[in-house]
Amino acid sequence: IKTAKADNVLVISESAITKKDNKTFVQVIKDEKQEEREIQVGLKGSEGKVEVIFGLLEGEEIAIPR
């Protein structure tokens, strides 16, 4: 059963996300340094992907913890 669908959205791996105090964050790599940035997520997809509604731009690089 398909419950929702979104086209042309930015998605990231759920494993890149951390949560603190009911907020959602990713580590963005900028000038060879990592900076924590709050994001807003939307739909959860299959295979561990999550839609990013706000806080990241296409092409920005994020760190995924091992």
C-alpha atoms as a PDB file:
ATOM      1  CA  ILE A   1       0.000   0.000   0.000  1.00  0.00           C
ATOM      2  CA  LYS A   2       1.431   3.337  -1.020  1.00  0.00           C
ATOM      3  CA  THR A   3       0.680   6.038   1.553  1.00  0.00           C
ATOM      4  CA  ALA A   4       2.475   9.106   0.163  1.00  0.00           C
ATOM      5  CA  LYS A   5       4.605  10.189  -2.748  1.00  0.00           C
ATOM      6  CA  ALA A   6       6.778  13.238  -3.375  1.00  0.00           C
ATOM      7  CA  ASP A   7       8.661  14.097  -6.562  1.00  0.00           C
ATOM      8  CA  ASN A   8      11.750  16.268  -6.981  1.00  0.00           C
ATOM      9  CA  VAL A   9      12.681  16.395  -3.307  1.00  0.00           C
ATOM     10  CA  LEU A  10      16.003  16.391  -1.501  1.00  0.00           C
ATOM     11  CA  VAL A  11      16.624  13.120   0.336  1.00  0.00           C
ATOM     12  CA  ILE A  12      19.395  11.972   2.646  1.00  0.00           C
ATOM     13  CA  SER A  13      20.243   8.801   4.484  1.00  0.00           C
ATOM     14  CA  GLU A  14      18.462   8.510   7.813  1.00  0.00           C
ATOM     15  CA  SER A  15      21.788   7.401   9.316  1.00  0.00           C
ATOM     16  CA  ALA A  16      23.151  10.957   8.831  1.00  0.00           C
ATOM     17  CA  ILE A  17      20.533  12.381  11.208  1.00  0.00           C
ATOM     18  CA  THR A  18      20.944  13.029  14.913  1.00  0.00           C
ATOM     19  CA  LYS A  19      18.237  14.246  17.281  1.00  0.00           C
ATOM     20  CA  LYS A  20      18.584  16.472  20.328  1.00  0.00           C
ATOM     21  CA  ASP A  21      15.886  18.217  22.350  1.00  0.00           C
ATOM     22  CA  ASN A  22      13.165  17.321  19.806  1.00  0.00           C
ATOM     23  CA  LYS A  23      15.235  18.869  16.990  1.00  0.00           C
ATOM     24  CA  THR A  24      16.837  17.158  13.992  1.00  0.00           C
ATOM     25  CA  PHE A  25      20.434  17.808  12.909  1.00  0.00           C
ATOM     26  CA  VAL A  26      23.023  16.786  10.327  1.00  0.00           C
ATOM     27  CA  GLN A  27      26.741  17.460  10.120  1.00  0.00           C
ATOM     28  CA  VAL A  28      27.437  19.613   7.045  1.00  0.00           C
ATOM     29  CA  ILE A  29      30.970  19.618   5.666  1.00  0.00           C
ATOM     30  CA  LYS A  30      32.022  23.168   4.834  1.00  0.00           C
ATOM     31  CA  ASP A  31      35.583  24.328   4.155  1.00  0.00           C
ATOM     32  CA  GLU A  32      36.884  20.920   5.275  1.00  0.00           C
ATOM     33  CA  LYS A  33      35.191  21.356   8.679  1.00  0.00           C
ATOM     34  CA  GLN A  34      31.965  19.913  10.021  1.00  0.00           C
ATOM     35  CA  GLU A  35      29.230  22.144  11.333  1.00  0.00           C
ATOM     36  CA  GLU A  36      26.040  21.005  12.956  1.00  0.00           C
ATOM     37  CA  ARG A  37      22.913  22.250  11.217  1.00  0.00           C
ATOM     38  CA  GLU A  38      19.280  21.913  12.166  1.00  0.00           C
ATOM     39  CA  ILE A  39      17.033  20.530   9.445  1.00  0.00           C
ATOM     40  CA  GLN A  40      13.353  19.784   9.059  1.00  0.00           C
ATOM     41  CA  VAL A  41      12.436  16.383   7.655  1.00  0.00           C
ATOM     42  CA  GLY A  42       9.323  15.236   5.853  1.00  0.00           C
ATOM     43  CA  LEU A  43       8.398  11.869   4.437  1.00  0.00           C
ATOM     44  CA  LYS A  44      10.339   8.737   5.318  1.00  0.00           C
ATOM     45  CA  GLY A  45      11.042   6.603   2.303  1.00  0.00           C
ATOM     46  CA  SER A  46      12.137   3.078   1.772  1.00  0.00           C
ATOM     47  CA  GLU A  47      15.730   1.959   2.121  1.00  0.00           C
ATOM     48  CA  GLY A  48      16.500   4.418   4.936  1.00  0.00           C
ATOM     49  CA  LYS A  49      15.962   7.643   2.986  1.00  0.00           C
ATOM     50  CA  VAL A  50      14.354  10.770   4.468  1.00  0.00           C
ATOM     51  CA  GLU A  51      13.008  13.883   2.735  1.00  0.00           C
ATOM     52  CA  VAL A  52      14.611  17.177   3.792  1.00  0.00           C
ATOM     53  CA  ILE A  53      12.126  20.066   3.767  1.00  0.00           C
ATOM     54  CA  PHE A  54      14.324  22.800   5.211  1.00  0.00           C
ATOM     55  CA  GLY A  55      17.932  23.345   6.253  1.00  0.00           C
ATOM     56  CA  LEU A  56      19.954  21.803   3.415  1.00  0.00           C
ATOM     57  CA  LEU A  57      20.560  22.763  -0.181  1.00  0.00           C
ATOM     58  CA  GLU A  58      21.135  20.437  -3.090  1.00  0.00           C
ATOM     59  CA  GLY A  59      24.854  19.798  -3.499  1.00  0.00           C
ATOM     60  CA  GLU A  60      25.837  20.382   0.126  1.00  0.00           C
ATOM     61  CA  GLU A  61      27.943  17.598   1.548  1.00  0.00           C
ATOM     62  CA  ILE A  62      26.990  15.904   4.788  1.00  0.00           C
ATOM     63  CA  ALA A  63      28.848  13.504   7.054  1.00  0.00           C
ATOM     64  CA  ILE A  64      27.405  10.086   7.735  1.00  0.00           C
ATOM     65  CA  PRO A  65      28.659   8.543  11.000  1.00  0.00           C
ATOM     66  CA  ARG A  66      30.047   5.037  10.765  1.00  0.00           C
END
